[in-house]
PDB file of N, CA and C in Angstrom:
ATOM      1  N   MET A   1      10.478  14.209  22.862  1.00  0.00           N
ATOM      2  CA  MET A   1      10.726  13.229  22.139  1.00  0.00           C
ATOM      3  C   MET A   1      11.606  14.136  20.591  1.00  0.00           C
ATOM      4  N   ALA A   2      12.692  12.392  20.319  1.00  0.00           N
ATOM      5  CA  ALA A   2      13.765  12.856  19.326  1.00  0.00           C
ATOM      6  C   ALA A   2      13.001  12.840  18.328  1.00  0.00           C
ATOM      7  N   LYS A   3      13.267  13.688  17.143  1.00  0.00           N
ATOM      8  CA  LYS A   3      12.825  13.960  15.938  1.00  0.00           C
ATOM      9  C   LYS A   3      13.411  12.675  14.851  1.00  0.00           C
ATOM     10  N   LYS A   4      12.486  12.030  13.874  1.00  0.00           N
ATOM     11  CA  LYS A   4      13.203  11.250  13.439  1.00  0.00           C
ATOM     12  C   LYS A   4      13.868  11.675  12.224  1.00  0.00           C
ATOM     13  N   LYS A   5      15.017  11.455  11.981  1.00  0.00           N
ATOM     14  CA  LYS A   5      15.925  12.073  10.963  1.00  0.00           C
ATOM     15  C   LYS A   5      15.119  11.394   9.708  1.00  0.00           C
ATOM     16  N   ILE A   6      15.228  12.077   8.958  1.00  0.00           N
ATOM     17  CA  ILE A   6      14.427  11.701   7.359  1.00  0.00           C
ATOM     18  C   ILE A   6      15.883  10.966   6.478  1.00  0.00           C
ATOM     19  N   ASP A   7      15.329   9.782   5.655  1.00  0.00           N
ATOM     20  CA  ASP A   7      16.416   9.105   4.845  1.00  0.00           C
ATOM     21  C   ASP A   7      15.966  10.020   3.627  1.00  0.00           C
ATOM     22  N   LYS A   8      16.067  10.542   2.436  1.00  0.00           N
ATOM     23  CA  LYS A   8      15.426  11.105   1.599  1.00  0.00           C
ATOM     24  C   LYS A   8      15.688   9.792   0.466  1.00  0.00           C
ATOM     25  N   ARG A   9      16.418   8.917   0.512  1.00  0.00           N
ATOM     26  CA  ARG A   9      16.160   7.619  -0.040  1.00  0.00           C
ATOM     27  C   ARG A   9      15.021   6.854   0.269  1.00  0.00           C
ATOM     28  N   ILE A  10      14.229   7.152   1.086  1.00  0.00           N
ATOM     29  CA  ILE A  10      12.796   6.426   1.087  1.00  0.00           C
ATOM     30  C   ILE A  10      11.838   7.080   0.491  1.00  0.00           C
ATOM     31  N   LEU A  11      11.484   6.060   0.156  1.00  0.00           N
ATOM     32  CA  LEU A  11      10.414   6.479  -0.786  1.00  0.00           C
ATOM     33  C   LEU A  11       9.404   6.007  -0.469  1.00  0.00           C
ATOM     34  N   LEU A  12       8.697   5.321  -0.185  1.00  0.00           N
ATOM     35  CA  LEU A  12       7.488   4.530   0.347  1.00  0.00           C
ATOM     36  C   LEU A  12       7.491   4.028   2.258  1.00  0.00           C
ATOM     37  N   GLU A  13       6.965   4.137   3.126  1.00  0.00           N
ATOM     38  CA  GLU A  13       7.186   3.812   4.260  1.00  0.00           C
ATOM     39  C   GLU A  13       6.041   3.923   4.784  1.00  0.00           C
ATOM     40  N   VAL A  14       5.422   2.502   5.073  1.00  0.00           N
ATOM     41  CA  VAL A  14       4.090   1.652   5.877  1.00  0.00           C
ATOM     42  C   VAL A  14       4.241   1.708   6.885  1.00  0.00           C
ATOM     43  N   THR A  15       3.444   2.011   8.437  1.00  0.00           N
ATOM     44  CA  THR A  15       3.802   2.028   8.839  1.00  0.00           C
ATOM     45  C   THR A  15       2.775   1.067  10.058  1.00  0.00           C
ATOM     46  N   GLY A  16       2.357   0.105  10.809  1.00  0.00           N
ATOM     47  CA  GLY A  16       0.608  -0.127  11.581  1.00  0.00           C
ATOM     48  C   GLY A  16       0.236  -0.435  10.951  1.00  0.00           C
ATOM     49  N   LEU A  17      -0.058  -1.269   9.120  1.00  0.00           N
ATOM     50  CA  LEU A  17      -1.640  -0.752   8.259  1.00  0.00           C
ATOM     51  C   LEU A  17      -1.831  -1.836   8.544  1.00  0.00           C
ATOM     52  N   THR A  18      -2.676  -1.216   9.128  1.00  0.00           N
ATOM     53  CA  THR A  18      -4.112  -2.537   9.259  1.00  0.00           C
ATOM     54  C   THR A  18      -5.497  -2.388   8.414  1.00  0.00           C
ATOM     55  N   LYS A  19      -5.943  -3.074   7.574  1.00  0.00           N
ATOM     56  CA  LYS A  19      -7.567  -3.249   7.152  1.00  0.00           C
ATOM     57  C   LYS A  19      -8.592  -4.344   8.043  1.00  0.00           C
ATOM     58  N   ARG A  20      -9.464  -3.869   8.259  1.00  0.00           N
ATOM     59  CA  ARG A  20     -10.284  -5.250   8.799  1.00  0.00           C
ATOM     60  C   ARG A  20     -11.580  -5.121   7.715  1.00  0.00           C
ATOM     61  N   PHE A  21     -12.092  -5.850   7.645  1.00  0.00           N
ATOM     62  CA  PHE A  21     -13.623  -6.128   7.217  1.00  0.00           C
ATOM     63  C   PHE A  21     -14.454  -6.966   8.080  1.00  0.00           C
ATOM     64  N   GLY A  22     -15.352  -5.738   8.633  1.00  0.00           N
ATOM     65  CA  GLY A  22     -16.408  -6.276   9.974  1.00  0.00           C
ATOM     66  C   GLY A  22     -14.986  -6.934  10.516  1.00  0.00           C
ATOM     67  N   THR A  23     -15.342  -8.277  10.862  1.00  0.00           N
ATOM     68  CA  THR A  23     -15.512  -8.660  12.055  1.00  0.00           C
ATOM     69  C   THR A  23     -13.201  -9.472  11.229  1.00  0.00           C
ATOM     70  N   LEU A  24     -13.852  -9.775  10.095  1.00  0.00           N
ATOM     71  CA  LEU A  24     -11.930 -10.151   9.279  1.00  0.00           C
ATOM     72  C   LEU A  24     -11.045  -9.483   9.088  1.00  0.00           C
ATOM     73  N   SER A  25      -9.908  -9.075   9.856  1.00  0.00           N
ATOM     74  CA  SER A  25      -8.800  -8.647  10.024  1.00  0.00           C
ATOM     75  C   SER A  25      -7.857  -9.093   8.382  1.00  0.00           C
ATOM     76  N   ALA A  26      -8.268  -8.776   7.200  1.00  0.00           N
ATOM     77  CA  ALA A  26      -7.023  -8.954   6.168  1.00  0.00           C
ATOM     78  C   ALA A  26      -5.663  -8.393   6.885  1.00  0.00           C
ATOM     79  N   LEU A  27      -5.443  -6.920   7.217  1.00  0.00           N
ATOM     80  CA  LEU A  27      -4.002  -6.924   7.281  1.00  0.00           C
ATOM     81  C   LEU A  27      -3.592  -6.169   8.924  1.00  0.00           C
ATOM     82  N   ARG A  28      -2.909  -6.837   9.776  1.00  0.00           N
ATOM     83  CA  ARG A  28      -2.508  -6.932  11.146  1.00  0.00           C
ATOM     84  C   ARG A  28      -1.477  -5.666  10.869  1.00  0.00           C
ATOM     85  N   SER A  29      -1.741  -4.598  11.695  1.00  0.00           N
ATOM     86  CA  SER A  29       0.164  -3.592  11.649  1.00  0.00           C
ATOM     87  C   SER A  29       0.937  -4.066  11.074  1.00  0.00           C
ATOM     88  N   ILE A  30       0.878  -4.245   9.261  1.00  0.00           N
ATOM     89  CA  ILE A  30       2.156  -3.981   8.391  1.00  0.00           C
ATOM     90  C   ILE A  30       3.292  -2.769   9.035  1.00  0.00           C
ATOM     91  N   ASP A  31       4.319  -3.473   8.227  1.00  0.00           N
ATOM     92  CA  ASP A  31       5.594  -1.735   8.361  1.00  0.00           C
ATOM     93  C   ASP A  31       6.446  -2.345   7.496  1.00  0.00           C
ATOM     94  N   PHE A  32       7.200  -1.738   6.478  1.00  0.00           N
ATOM     95  CA  PHE A  32       7.853  -1.692   5.350  1.00  0.00           C
ATOM     96  C   PHE A  32       8.676  -0.841   5.101  1.00  0.00           C
ATOM     97  N   GLN A  33       8.959  -0.737   4.344  1.00  0.00           N
ATOM     98  CA  GLN A  33      10.300   1.062   3.703  1.00  0.00           C
ATOM     99  C   GLN A  33      10.551  -0.127   1.943  1.00  0.00           C
ATOM    100  N   LEU A  34       9.970   1.497   1.113  1.00  0.00           N
ATOM    101  CA  LEU A  34      10.598   1.081  -0.222  1.00  0.00           C
ATOM    102  C   LEU A  34      11.438   1.535  -0.668  1.00  0.00           C
ATOM    103  N   LEU A  35      12.662   1.861  -0.970  1.00  0.00           N
ATOM    104  CA  LEU A  35      14.581   2.706  -0.826  1.00  0.00           C
ATOM    105  C   LEU A  35      14.419   3.135  -2.298  1.00  0.00           C
ATOM    106  N   THR A  36      13.849   4.107  -2.850  1.00  0.00           N
ATOM    107  CA  THR A  36      14.664   4.377  -4.137  1.00  0.00           C
ATOM    108  C   THR A  36      15.152   3.823  -5.236  1.00  0.00           C
ATOM    109  N   GLY A  37      14.000   3.098  -6.525  1.00  0.00           N
ATOM    110  CA  GLY A  37      14.884   2.809  -7.539  1.00  0.00           C
ATOM    111  C   GLY A  37      14.901   0.800  -6.990  1.00  0.00           C
ATOM    112  N   GLU A  38      14.284   1.094  -5.831  1.00  0.00           N
ATOM    113  CA  GLU A  38      14.162  -0.347  -5.319  1.00  0.00           C
ATOM    114  C   GLU A  38      12.471  -1.211  -6.274  1.00  0.00           C
ATOM    115  N   VAL A  39      13.391  -2.353  -6.464  1.00  0.00           N
ATOM    116  CA  VAL A  39      11.716  -3.252  -6.389  1.00  0.00           C
ATOM    117  C   VAL A  39      11.259  -3.752  -5.652  1.00  0.00           C
ATOM    118  N   ILE A  40      10.601  -4.224  -5.070  1.00  0.00           N
ATOM    119  CA  ILE A  40      10.370  -5.240  -4.806  1.00  0.00           C
ATOM    120  C   ILE A  40       8.474  -6.516  -5.667  1.00  0.00           C
ATOM    121  N   GLY A  41       8.463  -7.283  -4.373  1.00  0.00           N
ATOM    122  CA  GLY A  41       7.198  -8.132  -5.262  1.00  0.00           C
ATOM    123  C   GLY A  41       6.510  -9.117  -4.269  1.00  0.00           C
ATOM    124  N   VAL A  42       4.999  -8.468  -3.532  1.00  0.00           N
ATOM    125  CA  VAL A  42       4.154  -9.325  -2.578  1.00  0.00           C
ATOM    126  C   VAL A  42       3.840 -10.427  -2.979  1.00  0.00           C
ATOM    127  N   THR A  43       4.094 -11.673  -2.514  1.00  0.00           N
ATOM    128  CA  THR A  43       3.421 -13.202  -2.427  1.00  0.00           C
ATOM    129  C   THR A  43       2.763 -13.538  -1.554  1.00  0.00           C
ATOM    130  N   GLY A  44       2.258 -14.207  -2.554  1.00  0.00           N
ATOM    131  CA  GLY A  44       1.336 -15.344  -0.615  1.00  0.00           C
ATOM    132  C   GLY A  44       0.207 -16.300  -0.886  1.00  0.00           C
ATOM    133  N   GLN A  45      -0.406 -16.664  -0.474  1.00  0.00           N
ATOM    134  CA  GLN A  45      -1.734 -17.883  -0.610  1.00  0.00           C
ATOM    135  C   GLN A  45      -2.878 -16.902  -0.736  1.00  0.00           C
ATOM    136  N   SER A  46      -3.502 -17.329  -1.233  1.00  0.00           N
ATOM    137  CA  SER A  46      -4.717 -17.103  -1.816  1.00  0.00           C
ATOM    138  C   SER A  46      -5.331 -16.102  -0.739  1.00  0.00           C
ATOM    139  N   GLY A  47      -6.162 -15.000  -0.740  1.00  0.00           N
ATOM    140  CA  GLY A  47      -6.506 -14.919   1.027  1.00  0.00           C
ATOM    141  C   GLY A  47      -5.487 -14.119   1.762  1.00  0.00           C
ATOM    142  N   SER A  48      -4.420 -13.793   1.218  1.00  0.00           N
ATOM    143  CA  SER A  48      -3.221 -13.486   3.333  1.00  0.00           C
ATOM    144  C   SER A  48      -2.746 -11.986   2.685  1.00  0.00           C
ATOM    145  N   GLY A  49      -4.227 -11.271   1.641  1.00  0.00           N
ATOM    146  CA  GLY A  49      -4.014 -10.000   2.058  1.00  0.00           C
ATOM    147  C   GLY A  49      -3.153  -9.239   0.715  1.00  0.00           C
ATOM    148  N   LYS A  50      -2.692  -9.591  -0.373  1.00  0.00           N
ATOM    149  CA  LYS A  50      -1.695  -8.853  -1.724  1.00  0.00           C
ATOM    150  C   LYS A  50      -3.048  -7.764  -2.474  1.00  0.00           C
ATOM    151  N   SER A  51      -4.343  -8.098  -1.951  1.00  0.00           N
ATOM    152  CA  SER A  51      -4.575  -7.593  -3.209  1.00  0.00           C
ATOM    153  C   SER A  51      -5.305  -6.199  -2.729  1.00  0.00           C
ATOM    154  N   THR A  52      -5.744  -6.488  -0.726  1.00  0.00           N
ATOM    155  CA  THR A  52      -5.791  -5.656   0.008  1.00  0.00           C
ATOM    156  C   THR A  52      -4.832  -4.593   0.541  1.00  0.00           C
ATOM    157  N   LEU A  53      -3.596  -5.243   0.569  1.00  0.00           N
ATOM    158  CA  LEU A  53      -2.633  -3.726   0.613  1.00  0.00           C
ATOM    159  C   LEU A  53      -2.341  -3.546  -0.679  1.00  0.00           C
ATOM    160  N   ALA A  54      -2.656  -3.629  -1.274  1.00  0.00           N
ATOM    161  CA  ALA A  54      -2.128  -3.042  -2.829  1.00  0.00           C
ATOM    162  C   ALA A  54      -3.838  -2.107  -3.238  1.00  0.00           C
ATOM    163  N   MET A  55      -4.462  -2.306  -2.805  1.00  0.00           N
ATOM    164  CA  MET A  55      -6.213  -0.988  -2.586  1.00  0.00           C
ATOM    165  C   MET A  55      -5.565  -0.273  -1.383  1.00  0.00           C
ATOM    166  N   LEU A  56      -4.853  -0.545  -0.331  1.00  0.00           N
ATOM    167  CA  LEU A  56      -4.663   0.862   0.100  1.00  0.00           C
ATOM    168  C   LEU A  56      -3.728   1.216   0.102  1.00  0.00           C
ATOM    169  N   LEU A  57      -2.715   1.219  -0.723  1.00  0.00           N
ATOM    170  CA  LEU A  57      -1.688   1.713  -0.980  1.00  0.00           C
ATOM    171  C   LEU A  57      -1.718   2.887  -1.984  1.00  0.00           C
ATOM    172  N   ALA A  58      -2.496   2.591  -3.410  1.00  0.00           N
ATOM    173  CA  ALA A  58      -3.766   2.830  -3.715  1.00  0.00           C
ATOM    174  C   ALA A  58      -4.838   3.959  -3.670  1.00  0.00           C
ATOM    175  N   GLY A  59      -4.596   4.025  -2.456  1.00  0.00           N
ATOM    176  CA  GLY A  59      -6.094   5.023  -2.074  1.00  0.00           C
ATOM    177  C   GLY A  59      -7.395   3.763  -1.846  1.00  0.00           C
ATOM    178  N   ILE A  60      -7.672   3.492  -3.282  1.00  0.00           N
ATOM    179  CA  ILE A  60      -8.764   2.391  -3.362  1.00  0.00           C
ATOM    180  C   ILE A  60      -9.504   2.178  -2.003  1.00  0.00           C
ATOM    181  N   TYR A  61      -9.300   1.915  -1.090  1.00  0.00           N
ATOM    182  CA  TYR A  61     -10.381   1.303   0.156  1.00  0.00           C
ATOM    183  C   TYR A  61      -9.062   2.734   1.003  1.00  0.00           C
ATOM    184  N   PRO A  62      -9.795   2.750   2.697  1.00  0.00           N
ATOM    185  CA  PRO A  62      -9.330   3.596   3.837  1.00  0.00           C
ATOM    186  C   PRO A  62      -8.716   2.821   4.417  1.00  0.00           C
ATOM    187  N   PRO A  63      -6.993   3.053   5.046  1.00  0.00           N
ATOM    188  CA  PRO A  63      -6.894   2.240   6.220  1.00  0.00           C
ATOM    189  C   PRO A  63      -7.531   2.480   6.871  1.00  0.00           C
ATOM    190  N   ASP A  64      -7.317   0.961   8.350  1.00  0.00           N
ATOM    191  CA  ASP A  64      -8.241   1.046  10.130  1.00  0.00           C
ATOM    192  C   ASP A  64      -7.200   1.604  10.472  1.00  0.00           C
ATOM    193  N   GLU A  65      -6.324   1.620  10.574  1.00  0.00           N
ATOM    194  CA  GLU A  65      -5.168   2.133  11.435  1.00  0.00           C
ATOM    195  C   GLU A  65      -4.129   2.126  10.414  1.00  0.00           C
ATOM    196  N   GLY A  66      -3.201   3.127  11.423  1.00  0.00           N
ATOM    197  CA  GLY A  66      -1.570   2.660  10.300  1.00  0.00           C
ATOM    198  C   GLY A  66      -1.525   4.076   9.613  1.00  0.00           C
ATOM    199  N   SER A  67      -0.616   4.631   8.998  1.00  0.00           N
ATOM    200  CA  SER A  67       0.111   5.604   8.380  1.00  0.00           C
ATOM    201  C   SER A  67       0.792   4.942   7.003  1.00  0.00           C
ATOM    202  N   ILE A  68       1.302   5.757   5.635  1.00  0.00           N
ATOM    203  CA  ILE A  68       1.211   5.947   4.688  1.00  0.00           C
ATOM    204  C   ILE A  68       2.573   7.102   4.506  1.00  0.00           C
ATOM    205  N   THR A  69       3.022   6.711   4.005  1.00  0.00           N
ATOM    206  CA  THR A  69       4.395   7.676   3.554  1.00  0.00           C
ATOM    207  C   THR A  69       5.219   8.219   2.633  1.00  0.00           C
ATOM    208  N   PHE A  70       4.201   8.836   0.815  1.00  0.00           N
ATOM    209  CA  PHE A  70       5.131   8.920  -0.012  1.00  0.00           C
ATOM    210  C   PHE A  70       6.090  10.162   0.078  1.00  0.00           C
ATOM    211  N   LYS A  71       7.305   9.912  -0.389  1.00  0.00           N
ATOM    212  CA  LYS A  71       8.355  11.307  -0.565  1.00  0.00           C
ATOM    213  C   LYS A  71       8.451  11.916   0.679  1.00  0.00           C
ATOM    214  N   ASN A  72       8.109  11.387   1.988  1.00  0.00           N
ATOM    215  CA  ASN A  72       8.443  11.769   2.914  1.00  0.00           C
ATOM    216  C   ASN A  72       6.986  12.701   3.490  1.00  0.00           C
ATOM    217  N   HIS A  73       5.579  12.274   2.658  1.00  0.00           N
ATOM    218  CA  HIS A  73       4.500  13.160   2.960  1.00  0.00           C
ATOM    219  C   HIS A  73       3.953  12.656   3.436  1.00  0.00           C
ATOM    220  N   GLN A  74       3.192  12.710   4.438  1.00  0.00           N
ATOM    221  CA  GLN A  74       2.197  11.476   5.088  1.00  0.00           C
ATOM    222  C   GLN A  74       1.245  11.785   4.060  1.00  0.00           C
ATOM    223  N   ILE A  75       0.168  10.858   3.806  1.00  0.00           N
ATOM    224  CA  ILE A  75      -0.734  10.221   3.369  1.00  0.00           C
ATOM    225  C   ILE A  75      -2.229  10.520   3.982  1.00  0.00           C
ATOM    226  N   HIS A  76      -3.047  10.924   3.115  1.00  0.00           N
ATOM    227  CA  HIS A  76      -4.648  10.895   4.078  1.00  0.00           C
ATOM    228  C   HIS A  76      -5.785  10.604   3.396  1.00  0.00           C
ATOM    229  N   TRP A  77      -6.318   9.200   4.197  1.00  0.00           N
ATOM    230  CA  TRP A  77      -7.691   9.549   2.544  1.00  0.00           C
ATOM    231  C   TRP A  77      -8.618  10.277   2.421  1.00  0.00           C
ATOM    232  N   PRO A  78      -8.636  10.684   2.169  1.00  0.00           N
ATOM    233  CA  PRO A  78      -8.850   9.803   0.617  1.00  0.00           C
ATOM    234  C   PRO A  78      -8.227  10.741  -0.960  1.00  0.00           C
ATOM    235  N   GLU A  79      -7.205  11.665  -0.109  1.00  0.00           N
ATOM    236  CA  GLU A  79      -5.808  11.928  -0.925  1.00  0.00           C
ATOM    237  C   GLU A  79      -5.617  11.685  -2.218  1.00  0.00           C
ATOM    238  N   ASN A  80      -5.637  11.951  -3.770  1.00  0.00           N
ATOM    239  CA  ASN A  80      -5.633  11.358  -5.006  1.00  0.00           C
ATOM    240  C   ASN A  80      -4.427  10.780  -4.771  1.00  0.00           C
ATOM    241  N   PHE A  81      -4.304   9.516  -4.535  1.00  0.00           N
ATOM    242  CA  PHE A  81      -3.287   9.160  -4.694  1.00  0.00           C
ATOM    243  C   PHE A  81      -1.912   9.246  -5.907  1.00  0.00           C
ATOM    244  N   ARG A  82      -3.512   8.656  -7.682  1.00  0.00           N
ATOM    245  CA  ARG A  82      -3.302   8.986  -8.239  1.00  0.00           C
ATOM    246  C   ARG A  82      -2.704   9.872  -9.090  1.00  0.00           C
ATOM    247  N   SER A  83      -2.566  11.878  -8.051  1.00  0.00           N
ATOM    248  CA  SER A  83      -1.732  12.472  -8.391  1.00  0.00           C
ATOM    249  C   SER A  83      -0.303  13.225  -8.327  1.00  0.00           C
ATOM    250  N   LEU A  84       0.151  11.925  -7.304  1.00  0.00           N
ATOM    251  CA  LEU A  84       0.870  11.369  -6.530  1.00  0.00           C
ATOM    252  C   LEU A  84       2.073   9.975  -7.306  1.00  0.00           C
ATOM    253  N   GLY A  85       1.418   9.931  -8.286  1.00  0.00           N
ATOM    254  CA  GLY A  85       2.437   8.657  -9.198  1.00  0.00           C
ATOM    255  C   GLY A  85       1.732   7.422  -7.894  1.00  0.00           C
ATOM    256  N   ILE A  86       0.636   7.753  -7.695  1.00  0.00           N
ATOM    257  CA  ILE A  86       0.883   5.946  -7.037  1.00  0.00           C
ATOM    258  C   ILE A  86      -0.566   5.086  -8.122  1.00  0.00           C
ATOM    259  N   GLU A  87      -0.201   4.132  -8.197  1.00  0.00           N
ATOM    260  CA  GLU A  87      -1.710   3.613  -9.495  1.00  0.00           C
ATOM    261  C   GLU A  87      -1.367   2.040  -9.530  1.00  0.00           C
ATOM    262  N   VAL A  88      -3.028   1.533  -9.378  1.00  0.00           N
ATOM    263  CA  VAL A  88      -2.007  -0.133  -8.989  1.00  0.00           C
ATOM    264  C   VAL A  88      -2.327  -1.191 -10.508  1.00  0.00           C
ATOM    265  N   VAL A  89      -1.768  -1.841 -10.694  1.00  0.00           N
ATOM    266  CA  VAL A  89      -1.410  -2.744 -11.922  1.00  0.00           C
ATOM    267  C   VAL A  89      -2.308  -3.918 -11.523  1.00  0.00           C
ATOM    268  N   HIS A  90      -3.769  -4.615 -12.050  1.00  0.00           N
ATOM    269  CA  HIS A  90      -4.265  -5.459 -12.003  1.00  0.00           C
ATOM    270  C   HIS A  90      -4.193  -6.790 -12.470  1.00  0.00           C
ATOM    271  N   GLN A  91      -3.977  -7.680 -11.783  1.00  0.00           N
ATOM    272  CA  GLN A  91      -3.568  -9.378 -12.189  1.00  0.00           C
ATOM    273  C   GLN A  91      -4.591  -9.743 -12.236  1.00  0.00           C
ATOM    274  N   THR A  92      -5.655  -9.172 -13.391  1.00  0.00           N
ATOM    275  CA  THR A  92      -7.567 -10.169 -13.283  1.00  0.00           C
ATOM    276  C   THR A  92      -7.520 -10.060 -14.629  1.00  0.00           C
ATOM    277  N   LEU A  93      -7.503 -11.535 -15.498  1.00  0.00           N
ATOM    278  CA  LEU A  93      -8.338 -11.966 -16.230  1.00  0.00           C
ATOM    279  C   LEU A  93      -9.329 -10.984 -17.432  1.00  0.00           C
ATOM    280  N   ALA A  94     -10.049 -10.933 -16.586  1.00  0.00           N
ATOM    281  CA  ALA A  94     -11.367 -10.718 -16.749  1.00  0.00           C
ATOM    282  C   ALA A  94     -11.236  -8.718 -17.568  1.00  0.00           C
ATOM    283  N   LEU A  95      -9.762  -8.399 -17.063  1.00  0.00           N
ATOM    284  CA  LEU A  95      -9.058  -7.174 -17.779  1.00  0.00           C
ATOM    285  C   LEU A  95      -8.155  -7.095 -18.856  1.00  0.00           C
ATOM    286  N   GLN A  96      -8.131  -8.295 -19.947  1.00  0.00           N
ATOM    287  CA  GLN A  96      -7.445  -8.445 -20.853  1.00  0.00           C
ATOM    288  C   GLN A  96      -8.612  -9.342 -21.696  1.00  0.00           C
ATOM    289  N   LYS A  97      -7.867  -8.446 -22.607  1.00  0.00           N
ATOM    290  CA  LYS A  97      -9.541  -9.864 -23.791  1.00  0.00           C
ATOM    291  C   LYS A  97      -8.898 -10.749 -24.763  1.00  0.00           C
ATOM    292  N   ILE A  98      -9.284 -11.266 -23.979  1.00  0.00           N
ATOM    293  CA  ILE A  98      -8.869 -13.510 -24.556  1.00  0.00           C
ATOM    294  C   ILE A  98      -9.355 -13.625 -25.568  1.00  0.00           C
ATOM    295  N   SER A  99      -8.461 -14.240 -26.917  1.00  0.00           N
ATOM    296  CA  SER A  99      -8.463 -14.260 -27.641  1.00  0.00           C
ATOM    297  C   SER A  99      -8.036 -15.520 -27.928  1.00  0.00           C
ATOM    298  N   THR A 100      -8.500 -16.585 -29.079  1.00  0.00           N
ATOM    299  CA  THR A 100      -8.463 -17.980 -29.148  1.00  0.00           C
ATOM    300  C   THR A 100      -7.700 -18.346 -29.876  1.00  0.00           C
TER     301      THR A 100
END
């Protein structure tokens, strides 16, 4: 098997990421790369798996299948993702002080 050439520009690589909750497949075989300096957005309908993806990338949920590689280092759950500089910024109104 040929060695995979490492592209130093790849910051985050997700391969085959899958998460199930019982019989529900929240994410099935997600693949993508994030390059250094790149900004991406994730959109979709309610229940499409956006929050599940964020929780997997932050190490809050363990993946059922697949791999997450950050700065050429494959992350194994429950490694401390926060120590690698990976964090989730929640978009939940309950976390904000609501004033009238």
